[in-house]
């Protein structure tokens, strides 16, 4: 039996959550925005200076490149995993999903240091290359290390929305196509993949948003050419002591992330109506 709540009761239930969000999100964001306008007279000098800064423009371009590359790499690895999980039985699927969740059980700082051992010149991967008679491949303090480290954390955020979409698809569509003589590859490209696009897009946007705000992985595994906007914020606050510019970068990054997350919500609503 459905329970009807009045507006007053609903407001009472939502009041604690709203107050918590106000203190945890709205107040710090308002303070950051105010600091981006300067210390004395409010102005947009920090924003104007950023867009004229070669350092910021290069960092923003690097951030877009790394975020887009890691998102594509994560999708390429996550789609086969999600597809395999969707074809498993109810008995085995939860067991294999544990392995997908393993990256969440370890701090990103610990994982980044672990990749130094794995990807270093004397690491496990290069030792394997040398055992096979192959030359060493520099994978540390460059773009390769950043992409590997970020993708290992982002893959689950693509797998789970994609898996939910694949499980929601009607299996009778594939059976009907198979009865009519369609091959497995044709069934995938003409039925499974088009229907999975909303879940894939939602996972890709979430992956891209997290990649844009990455700090630890590019700081530990990347080189000087891999500075992202989050690392630039750290530079302005700890070394340049330019709090207005650092706050302006944070506001810009938050605005872009909020826009992308709004797109995720819209994609989910449209997919739910399909």
C-alpha atoms as a PDB file:
ATOM      1  CA  UNK A   1       0.000   0.000   0.000  1.00  0.00           C
ATOM      2  CA  UNK A   2       1.394   3.360  -1.049  1.00  0.00           C
ATOM      3  CA  UNK A   3       2.030   5.907   1.703  1.00  0.00           C
ATOM      4  CA  UNK A   4       0.958   9.480   1.006  1.00  0.00           C
ATOM      5  CA  UNK A   5       3.127  12.194   2.533  1.00  0.00           C
ATOM      6  CA  UNK A   6       2.094  15.786   2.893  1.00  0.00           C
ATOM      7  CA  UNK A   7       4.390  18.591   1.835  1.00  0.00           C
ATOM      8  CA  UNK A   8       5.041  19.453   5.473  1.00  0.00           C
ATOM      9  CA  UNK A   9       6.071  15.883   6.316  1.00  0.00           C
ATOM     10  CA  UNK A  10       8.230  15.685   3.203  1.00  0.00           C
ATOM     11  CA  UNK A  11       9.915  18.974   4.082  1.00  0.00           C
ATOM     12  CA  UNK A  12      10.599  17.650   7.582  1.00  0.00           C
ATOM     13  CA  UNK A  13      12.316  14.569   6.181  1.00  0.00           C
ATOM     14  CA  UNK A  14      14.363  16.562   3.697  1.00  0.00           C
ATOM     15  CA  UNK A  15      15.394  19.347   6.086  1.00  0.00           C
ATOM     16  CA  UNK A  16      18.378  17.497   7.689  1.00  0.00           C
ATOM     17  CA  UNK A  17      19.723  16.420   4.294  1.00  0.00           C
ATOM     18  CA  UNK A  18      19.289  19.921   2.908  1.00  0.00           C
ATOM     19  CA  UNK A  19      21.082  21.469   5.880  1.00  0.00           C
ATOM     20  CA  UNK A  20      23.959  18.991   5.527  1.00  0.00           C
ATOM     21  CA  UNK A  21      24.310  19.761   1.823  1.00  0.00           C
ATOM     22  CA  UNK A  22      24.229  23.473   2.567  1.00  0.00           C
ATOM     23  CA  UNK A  23      27.163  23.198   4.970  1.00  0.00           C
ATOM     24  CA  UNK A  24      29.100  20.570   3.010  1.00  0.00           C
ATOM     25  CA  UNK A  25      28.657  21.967  -0.487  1.00  0.00           C
ATOM     26  CA  UNK A  26      26.952  25.323  -0.802  1.00  0.00           C
ATOM     27  CA  UNK A  27      28.892  27.171   1.903  1.00  0.00           C
ATOM     28  CA  UNK A  28      32.397  26.069   0.758  1.00  0.00           C
ATOM     29  CA  UNK A  29      31.448  26.688  -2.861  1.00  0.00           C
ATOM     30  CA  UNK A  30      30.162  30.176  -2.063  1.00  0.00           C
ATOM     31  CA  UNK A  31      33.346  30.910  -0.114  1.00  0.00           C
ATOM     32  CA  UNK A  32      35.484  29.684  -3.023  1.00  0.00           C
ATOM     33  CA  UNK A  33      33.534  31.789  -5.492  1.00  0.00           C
ATOM     34  CA  UNK A  34      33.914  34.851  -3.271  1.00  0.00           C
ATOM     35  CA  UNK A  35      37.679  34.296  -2.990  1.00  0.00           C
ATOM     36  CA  UNK A  36      37.891  34.064  -6.789  1.00  0.00           C
ATOM     37  CA  UNK A  37      36.564  37.635  -6.987  1.00  0.00           C
ATOM     38  CA  UNK A  38      39.508  39.025  -5.028  1.00  0.00           C
ATOM     39  CA  UNK A  39      40.276  39.944  -1.439  1.00  0.00           C
ATOM     40  CA  UNK A  40      39.054  43.544  -1.323  1.00  0.00           C
ATOM     41  CA  UNK A  41      37.026  44.858  -4.250  1.00  0.00           C
ATOM     42  CA  UNK A  42      35.087  42.122  -6.131  1.00  0.00           C
ATOM     43  CA  UNK A  43      36.294  41.805  -9.724  1.00  0.00           C
ATOM     44  CA  UNK A  44      36.769  39.254 -12.487  1.00  0.00           C
ATOM     45  CA  UNK A  45      40.491  39.936 -12.791  1.00  0.00           C
ATOM     46  CA  UNK A  46      41.380  36.389 -11.719  1.00  0.00           C
ATOM     47  CA  UNK A  47      39.211  34.867 -14.460  1.00  0.00           C
ATOM     48  CA  UNK A  48      40.516  37.260 -17.105  1.00  0.00           C
ATOM     49  CA  UNK A  49      44.090  36.588 -16.039  1.00  0.00           C
ATOM     50  CA  UNK A  50      43.565  32.837 -16.221  1.00  0.00           C
ATOM     51  CA  UNK A  51      42.303  32.848 -19.791  1.00  0.00           C
ATOM     52  CA  UNK A  52      45.259  35.024 -20.750  1.00  0.00           C
ATOM     53  CA  UNK A  53      47.692  32.727 -18.942  1.00  0.00           C
ATOM     54  CA  UNK A  54      49.619  30.327 -21.132  1.00  0.00           C
ATOM     55  CA  UNK A  55      50.115  28.003 -18.147  1.00  0.00           C
ATOM     56  CA  UNK A  56      46.386  27.698 -17.500  1.00  0.00           C
ATOM     57  CA  UNK A  57      45.519  27.233 -21.174  1.00  0.00           C
ATOM     58  CA  UNK A  58      48.143  24.511 -21.537  1.00  0.00           C
ATOM     59  CA  UNK A  59      46.979  22.803 -18.332  1.00  0.00           C
ATOM     60  CA  UNK A  60      43.351  22.964 -19.467  1.00  0.00           C
ATOM     61  CA  UNK A  61      44.277  21.451 -22.828  1.00  0.00           C
ATOM     62  CA  UNK A  62      46.299  18.716 -21.109  1.00  0.00           C
ATOM     63  CA  UNK A  63      43.379  18.028 -18.781  1.00  0.00           C
ATOM     64  CA  UNK A  64      40.984  17.604 -21.698  1.00  0.00           C
ATOM     65  CA  UNK A  65      43.435  15.336 -23.530  1.00  0.00           C
ATOM     66  CA  UNK A  66      44.067  13.102 -20.517  1.00  0.00           C
ATOM     67  CA  UNK A  67      40.405  13.001 -19.474  1.00  0.00           C
ATOM     68  CA  UNK A  68      39.268  12.100 -22.984  1.00  0.00           C
ATOM     69  CA  UNK A  69      42.035   9.524 -23.499  1.00  0.00           C
ATOM     70  CA  UNK A  70      41.457   7.828 -20.136  1.00  0.00           C
ATOM     71  CA  UNK A  71      37.706   7.775 -20.772  1.00  0.00           C
ATOM     72  CA  UNK A  72      38.146   6.087 -24.153  1.00  0.00           C
ATOM     73  CA  UNK A  73      40.646   3.638 -22.671  1.00  0.00           C
ATOM     74  CA  UNK A  74      38.307   2.858 -19.760  1.00  0.00           C
ATOM     75  CA  UNK A  75      35.360   2.295 -22.108  1.00  0.00           C
ATOM     76  CA  UNK A  76      37.411  -0.060 -24.282  1.00  0.00           C
ATOM     77  CA  UNK A  77      38.262  -2.155 -21.220  1.00  0.00           C
ATOM     78  CA  UNK A  78      34.938  -1.836 -19.390  1.00  0.00           C
ATOM     79  CA  UNK A  79      32.585  -2.817 -22.206  1.00  0.00           C
ATOM     80  CA  UNK A  80      33.840  -6.423 -22.561  1.00  0.00           C
ATOM     81  CA  UNK A  81      33.759  -6.782 -18.768  1.00  0.00           C
ATOM     82  CA  UNK A  82      30.180  -5.528 -18.521  1.00  0.00           C
ATOM     83  CA  UNK A  83      29.108  -7.669 -21.472  1.00  0.00           C
ATOM     84  CA  UNK A  84      30.654 -10.756 -19.897  1.00  0.00           C
ATOM     85  CA  UNK A  85      29.023 -10.043 -16.535  1.00  0.00           C
ATOM     86  CA  UNK A  86      25.616  -9.613 -18.190  1.00  0.00           C
ATOM     87  CA  UNK A  87      25.892 -13.080 -19.754  1.00  0.00           C
ATOM     88  CA  UNK A  88      26.773 -14.824 -16.472  1.00  0.00           C
ATOM     89  CA  UNK A  89      24.236 -16.617 -14.307  1.00  0.00           C
ATOM     90  CA  UNK A  90      22.836 -15.091 -11.127  1.00  0.00           C
ATOM     91  CA  UNK A  91      25.068 -17.465  -9.159  1.00  0.00           C
ATOM     92  CA  UNK A  92      28.395 -16.392 -10.645  1.00  0.00           C
ATOM     93  CA  UNK A  93      27.777 -12.712 -11.449  1.00  0.00           C
ATOM     94  CA  UNK A  94      28.135 -11.375  -7.855  1.00  0.00           C
ATOM     95  CA  UNK A  95      31.405 -13.271  -7.446  1.00  0.00           C
ATOM     96  CA  UNK A  96      32.949 -11.738 -10.555  1.00  0.00           C
ATOM     97  CA  UNK A  97      31.593  -8.304  -9.640  1.00  0.00           C
ATOM     98  CA  UNK A  98      33.775  -8.413  -6.538  1.00  0.00           C
ATOM     99  CA  UNK A  99      36.849  -8.248  -8.776  1.00  0.00           C
ATOM    100  CA  UNK A 100      35.428  -5.154 -10.468  1.00  0.00           C
ATOM    101  CA  UNK A 101      34.974  -3.547  -7.056  1.00  0.00           C
ATOM    102  CA  UNK A 102      38.532  -4.271  -5.929  1.00  0.00           C
ATOM    103  CA  UNK A 103      39.865  -0.825  -7.006  1.00  0.00           C
ATOM    104  CA  UNK A 104      37.452   0.805  -4.510  1.00  0.00           C
ATOM    105  CA  UNK A 105      38.985  -1.125  -1.622  1.00  0.00           C
ATOM    106  CA  UNK A 106      42.379   0.525  -1.962  1.00  0.00           C
ATOM    107  CA  UNK A 107      43.312   4.182  -1.615  1.00  0.00           C
ATOM    108  CA  UNK A 108      44.126   5.890  -4.889  1.00  0.00           C
ATOM    109  CA  UNK A 109      47.379   7.068  -3.305  1.00  0.00           C
ATOM    110  CA  UNK A 110      48.396   3.487  -2.483  1.00  0.00           C
ATOM    111  CA  UNK A 111      47.428   2.311  -5.972  1.00  0.00           C
ATOM    112  CA  UNK A 112      49.458   5.064  -7.595  1.00  0.00           C
ATOM    113  CA  UNK A 113      52.533   4.073  -5.602  1.00  0.00           C
ATOM    114  CA  UNK A 114      51.875   0.426  -6.530  1.00  0.00           C
ATOM    115  CA  UNK A 115      51.932   1.351 -10.215  1.00  0.00           C
ATOM    116  CA  UNK A 116      55.429   2.767  -9.704  1.00  0.00           C
ATOM    117  CA  UNK A 117      56.536  -0.765  -8.815  1.00  0.00           C
ATOM    118  CA  UNK A 118      54.627  -2.270 -11.730  1.00  0.00           C
ATOM    119  CA  UNK A 119      55.426   0.253 -14.468  1.00  0.00           C
ATOM    120  CA  UNK A 120      58.908   1.435 -13.473  1.00  0.00           C
ATOM    121  CA  UNK A 121      62.068   0.747 -15.473  1.00  0.00           C
ATOM    122  CA  UNK A 122      62.839  -2.107 -13.075  1.00  0.00           C
ATOM    123  CA  UNK A 123      59.168  -2.977 -12.636  1.00  0.00           C
ATOM    124  CA  UNK A 124      57.223  -6.137 -13.315  1.00  0.00           C
ATOM    125  CA  UNK A 125      56.132  -5.182 -16.830  1.00  0.00           C
ATOM    126  CA  UNK A 126      59.608  -4.239 -18.054  1.00  0.00           C
ATOM    127  CA  UNK A 127      61.081  -7.370 -16.469  1.00  0.00           C
ATOM    128  CA  UNK A 128      58.570  -9.375 -18.481  1.00  0.00           C
ATOM    129  CA  UNK A 129      59.567  -7.506 -21.644  1.00  0.00           C
ATOM    130  CA  UNK A 130      63.238  -8.230 -21.002  1.00  0.00           C
ATOM    131  CA  UNK A 131      62.495 -11.914 -20.390  1.00  0.00           C
ATOM    132  CA  UNK A 132      60.823 -12.037 -23.802  1.00  0.00           C
ATOM    133  CA  UNK A 133      63.794 -10.324 -25.428  1.00  0.00           C
ATOM    134  CA  UNK A 134      61.949  -7.028 -25.901  1.00  0.00           C
ATOM    135  CA  UNK A 135      63.354  -3.583 -25.081  1.00  0.00           C
ATOM    136  CA  UNK A 136      62.249  -1.621 -22.044  1.00  0.00           C
ATOM    137  CA  UNK A 137      59.308   0.735 -22.472  1.00  0.00           C
ATOM    138  CA  UNK A 138      59.298   3.974 -20.445  1.00  0.00           C
ATOM    139  CA  UNK A 139      55.924   3.952 -18.688  1.00  0.00           C
ATOM    140  CA  UNK A 140      56.624   6.155 -15.684  1.00  0.00           C
ATOM    141  CA  UNK A 141      56.480   9.956 -15.397  1.00  0.00           C
ATOM    142  CA  UNK A 142      54.762  10.220 -18.775  1.00  0.00           C
ATOM    143  CA  UNK A 143      51.302   9.978 -20.321  1.00  0.00           C
ATOM    144  CA  UNK A 144      51.299   6.165 -20.312  1.00  0.00           C
ATOM    145  CA  UNK A 145      51.572   5.949 -16.529  1.00  0.00           C
ATOM    146  CA  UNK A 146      48.851   8.553 -16.046  1.00  0.00           C
ATOM    147  CA  UNK A 147      46.413   6.770 -18.367  1.00  0.00           C
ATOM    148  CA  UNK A 148      47.027   3.361 -16.809  1.00  0.00           C
ATOM    149  CA  UNK A 149      46.665   4.680 -13.267  1.00  0.00           C
ATOM    150  CA  UNK A 150      43.511   6.675 -13.982  1.00  0.00           C
ATOM    151  CA  UNK A 151      41.830   3.947 -16.029  1.00  0.00           C
ATOM    152  CA  UNK A 152      42.290   1.377 -13.258  1.00  0.00           C
ATOM    153  CA  UNK A 153      40.177   3.583 -10.994  1.00  0.00           C
ATOM    154  CA  UNK A 154      37.610   4.662 -13.595  1.00  0.00           C
ATOM    155  CA  UNK A 155      36.691   1.299 -15.131  1.00  0.00           C
ATOM    156  CA  UNK A 156      34.069   0.385 -12.453  1.00  0.00           C
ATOM    157  CA  UNK A 157      32.249   3.678 -13.059  1.00  0.00           C
ATOM    158  CA  UNK A 158      31.712   2.573 -16.655  1.00  0.00           C
ATOM    159  CA  UNK A 159      31.016  -1.077 -15.897  1.00  0.00           C
ATOM    160  CA  UNK A 160      28.105  -0.647 -13.494  1.00  0.00           C
ATOM    161  CA  UNK A 161      25.816   1.737 -15.442  1.00  0.00           C
ATOM    162  CA  UNK A 162      26.591  -0.242 -18.581  1.00  0.00           C
ATOM    163  CA  UNK A 163      25.871  -3.532 -16.817  1.00  0.00           C
ATOM    164  CA  UNK A 164      22.528  -2.212 -15.556  1.00  0.00           C
ATOM    165  CA  UNK A 165      21.623  -1.248 -19.120  1.00  0.00           C
ATOM    166  CA  UNK A 166      22.656  -4.626 -20.553  1.00  0.00           C
ATOM    167  CA  UNK A 167      20.687  -6.543 -17.909  1.00  0.00           C
ATOM    168  CA  UNK A 168      17.605  -4.449 -18.662  1.00  0.00           C
ATOM    169  CA  UNK A 169      17.644  -5.363 -22.344  1.00  0.00           C
ATOM    170  CA  UNK A 170      15.044  -7.888 -23.465  1.00  0.00           C
ATOM    171  CA  UNK A 171      16.794 -11.190 -24.171  1.00  0.00           C
ATOM    172  CA  UNK A 172      13.988 -12.133 -26.564  1.00  0.00           C
ATOM    173  CA  UNK A 173      15.341  -9.602 -29.065  1.00  0.00           C
ATOM    174  CA  UNK A 174      18.617 -11.501 -29.336  1.00  0.00           C
ATOM    175  CA  UNK A 175      16.862 -14.853 -29.463  1.00  0.00           C
ATOM    176  CA  UNK A 176      14.559 -13.668 -32.224  1.00  0.00           C
ATOM    177  CA  UNK A 177      17.467 -12.329 -34.259  1.00  0.00           C
ATOM    178  CA  UNK A 178      19.363 -15.613 -33.798  1.00  0.00           C
ATOM    179  CA  UNK A 179      16.341 -17.635 -34.939  1.00  0.00           C
ATOM    180  CA  UNK A 180      16.134 -15.456 -38.058  1.00  0.00           C
ATOM    181  CA  UNK A 181      19.742 -16.341 -38.895  1.00  0.00           C
ATOM    182  CA  UNK A 182      21.687 -13.337 -37.579  1.00  0.00           C
ATOM    183  CA  UNK A 183      25.230 -14.030 -36.406  1.00  0.00           C
ATOM    184  CA  UNK A 184      26.417 -13.155 -32.894  1.00  0.00           C
ATOM    185  CA  UNK A 185      28.473 -10.257 -34.253  1.00  0.00           C
ATOM    186  CA  UNK A 186      25.523  -8.825 -36.165  1.00  0.00           C
ATOM    187  CA  UNK A 187      23.255  -9.204 -33.126  1.00  0.00           C
ATOM    188  CA  UNK A 188      25.760  -7.271 -31.038  1.00  0.00           C
ATOM    189  CA  UNK A 189      26.243  -4.372 -33.466  1.00  0.00           C
ATOM    190  CA  UNK A 190      22.583  -3.995 -34.483  1.00  0.00           C
ATOM    191  CA  UNK A 191      20.792  -4.791 -31.215  1.00  0.00           C
ATOM    192  CA  UNK A 192      22.969  -4.963 -28.100  1.00  0.00           C
ATOM    193  CA  UNK A 193      25.311  -2.057 -28.763  1.00  0.00           C
ATOM    194  CA  UNK A 194      22.704   0.527 -29.906  1.00  0.00           C
ATOM    195  CA  UNK A 195      20.511  -0.266 -26.900  1.00  0.00           C
ATOM    196  CA  UNK A 196      23.477   0.070 -24.537  1.00  0.00           C
ATOM    197  CA  UNK A 197      24.405   3.573 -25.689  1.00  0.00           C
ATOM    198  CA  UNK A 198      22.532   5.415 -22.872  1.00  0.00           C
ATOM    199  CA  UNK A 199      24.351   3.403 -20.184  1.00  0.00           C
ATOM    200  CA  UNK A 200      27.632   3.756 -22.039  1.00  0.00           C
ATOM    201  CA  UNK A 201      27.201   7.511 -22.350  1.00  0.00           C
ATOM    202  CA  UNK A 202      26.308   7.880 -18.659  1.00  0.00           C
ATOM    203  CA  UNK A 203      29.392   5.916 -17.620  1.00  0.00           C
ATOM    204  CA  UNK A 204      31.596   7.836 -20.041  1.00  0.00           C
ATOM    205  CA  UNK A 205      30.464  11.219 -18.709  1.00  0.00           C
ATOM    206  CA  UNK A 206      31.013  10.175 -15.082  1.00  0.00           C
ATOM    207  CA  UNK A 207      34.428   8.836 -16.042  1.00  0.00           C
ATOM    208  CA  UNK A 208      35.286  12.078 -17.828  1.00  0.00           C
ATOM    209  CA  UNK A 209      34.172  14.221 -14.867  1.00  0.00           C
ATOM    210  CA  UNK A 210      36.341  12.273 -12.415  1.00  0.00           C
ATOM    211  CA  UNK A 211      39.288  12.375 -14.792  1.00  0.00           C
ATOM    212  CA  UNK A 212      39.089  16.158 -15.064  1.00  0.00           C
ATOM    213  CA  UNK A 213      39.523  16.515 -11.308  1.00  0.00           C
ATOM    214  CA  UNK A 214      42.346  13.983 -10.913  1.00  0.00           C
ATOM    215  CA  UNK A 215      45.245  15.151  -8.781  1.00  0.00           C
ATOM    216  CA  UNK A 216      47.151  12.279  -7.153  1.00  0.00           C
ATOM    217  CA  UNK A 217      47.668  10.082 -10.223  1.00  0.00           C
ATOM    218  CA  UNK A 218      49.119  12.738 -12.564  1.00  0.00           C
ATOM    219  CA  UNK A 219      51.208  14.127  -9.699  1.00  0.00           C
ATOM    220  CA  UNK A 220      52.834  10.750  -8.964  1.00  0.00           C
ATOM    221  CA  UNK A 221      52.841   8.995 -12.336  1.00  0.00           C
ATOM    222  CA  UNK A 222      52.967  11.917 -14.777  1.00  0.00           C
ATOM    223  CA  UNK A 223      55.743  14.179 -15.968  1.00  0.00           C
ATOM    224  CA  UNK A 224      56.060  17.934 -16.293  1.00  0.00           C
ATOM    225  CA  UNK A 225      53.970  17.887 -19.463  1.00  0.00           C
ATOM    226  CA  UNK A 226      51.095  16.126 -17.686  1.00  0.00           C
ATOM    227  CA  UNK A 227      50.082  18.915 -15.283  1.00  0.00           C
ATOM    228  CA  UNK A 228      46.294  19.035 -14.967  1.00  0.00           C
ATOM    229  CA  UNK A 229      44.105  21.813 -13.598  1.00  0.00           C
ATOM    230  CA  UNK A 230      43.901  20.155 -10.172  1.00  0.00           C
ATOM    231  CA  UNK A 231      47.690  20.182  -9.994  1.00  0.00           C
ATOM    232  CA  UNK A 232      47.629  23.810 -11.081  1.00  0.00           C
ATOM    233  CA  UNK A 233      45.309  24.646  -8.174  1.00  0.00           C
ATOM    234  CA  UNK A 234      47.844  23.052  -5.832  1.00  0.00           C
ATOM    235  CA  UNK A 235      50.604  25.145  -7.436  1.00  0.00           C
ATOM    236  CA  UNK A 236      48.694  28.408  -6.988  1.00  0.00           C
ATOM    237  CA  UNK A 237      47.788  27.681  -3.357  1.00  0.00           C
ATOM    238  CA  UNK A 238      51.073  26.237  -2.043  1.00  0.00           C
ATOM    239  CA  UNK A 239      53.752  27.913  -4.145  1.00  0.00           C
ATOM    240  CA  UNK A 240      52.387  31.007  -5.892  1.00  0.00           C
ATOM    241  CA  UNK A 241      50.045  31.822  -2.951  1.00  0.00           C
ATOM    242  CA  UNK A 242      47.537  33.192  -5.460  1.00  0.00           C
ATOM    243  CA  UNK A 243      44.264  32.196  -3.820  1.00  0.00           C
ATOM    244  CA  UNK A 244      42.108  34.193  -6.240  1.00  0.00           C
ATOM    245  CA  UNK A 245      43.422  32.324  -9.287  1.00  0.00           C
ATOM    246  CA  UNK A 246      43.226  28.977  -7.504  1.00  0.00           C
ATOM    247  CA  UNK A 247      39.620  29.664  -6.503  1.00  0.00           C
ATOM    248  CA  UNK A 248      38.756  30.763 -10.035  1.00  0.00           C
ATOM    249  CA  UNK A 249      40.113  27.503 -11.436  1.00  0.00           C
ATOM    250  CA  UNK A 250      38.096  25.546  -8.870  1.00  0.00           C
ATOM    251  CA  UNK A 251      34.906  27.412  -9.803  1.00  0.00           C
ATOM    252  CA  UNK A 252      35.480  26.783 -13.522  1.00  0.00           C
ATOM    253  CA  UNK A 253      36.181  23.098 -12.899  1.00  0.00           C
ATOM    254  CA  UNK A 254      33.065  22.791 -10.731  1.00  0.00           C
ATOM    255  CA  UNK A 255      30.895  24.476 -13.367  1.00  0.00           C
ATOM    256  CA  UNK A 256      32.105  22.147 -16.128  1.00  0.00           C
ATOM    257  CA  UNK A 257      31.641  19.088 -13.903  1.00  0.00           C
ATOM    258  CA  UNK A 258      28.143  20.197 -12.879  1.00  0.00           C
ATOM    259  CA  UNK A 259      27.168  20.637 -16.524  1.00  0.00           C
ATOM    260  CA  UNK A 260      28.417  17.163 -17.417  1.00  0.00           C
ATOM    261  CA  UNK A 261      26.657  15.585 -14.419  1.00  0.00           C
ATOM    262  CA  UNK A 262      23.448  17.324 -15.480  1.00  0.00           C
ATOM    263  CA  UNK A 263      23.879  15.641 -18.863  1.00  0.00           C
ATOM    264  CA  UNK A 264      24.218  12.282 -17.073  1.00  0.00           C
ATOM    265  CA  UNK A 265      20.916  12.871 -15.281  1.00  0.00           C
ATOM    266  CA  UNK A 266      19.213  13.827 -18.503  1.00  0.00           C
ATOM    267  CA  UNK A 267      20.530  10.751 -20.296  1.00  0.00           C
ATOM    268  CA  UNK A 268      19.267   8.526 -17.479  1.00  0.00           C
ATOM    269  CA  UNK A 269      15.822  10.110 -17.536  1.00  0.00           C
ATOM    270  CA  UNK A 270      15.560   9.693 -21.290  1.00  0.00           C
ATOM    271  CA  UNK A 271      16.735   6.082 -21.123  1.00  0.00           C
ATOM    272  CA  UNK A 272      14.172   5.367 -18.397  1.00  0.00           C
ATOM    273  CA  UNK A 273      11.401   6.650 -20.668  1.00  0.00           C
ATOM    274  CA  UNK A 274      12.483   4.457 -23.568  1.00  0.00           C
END
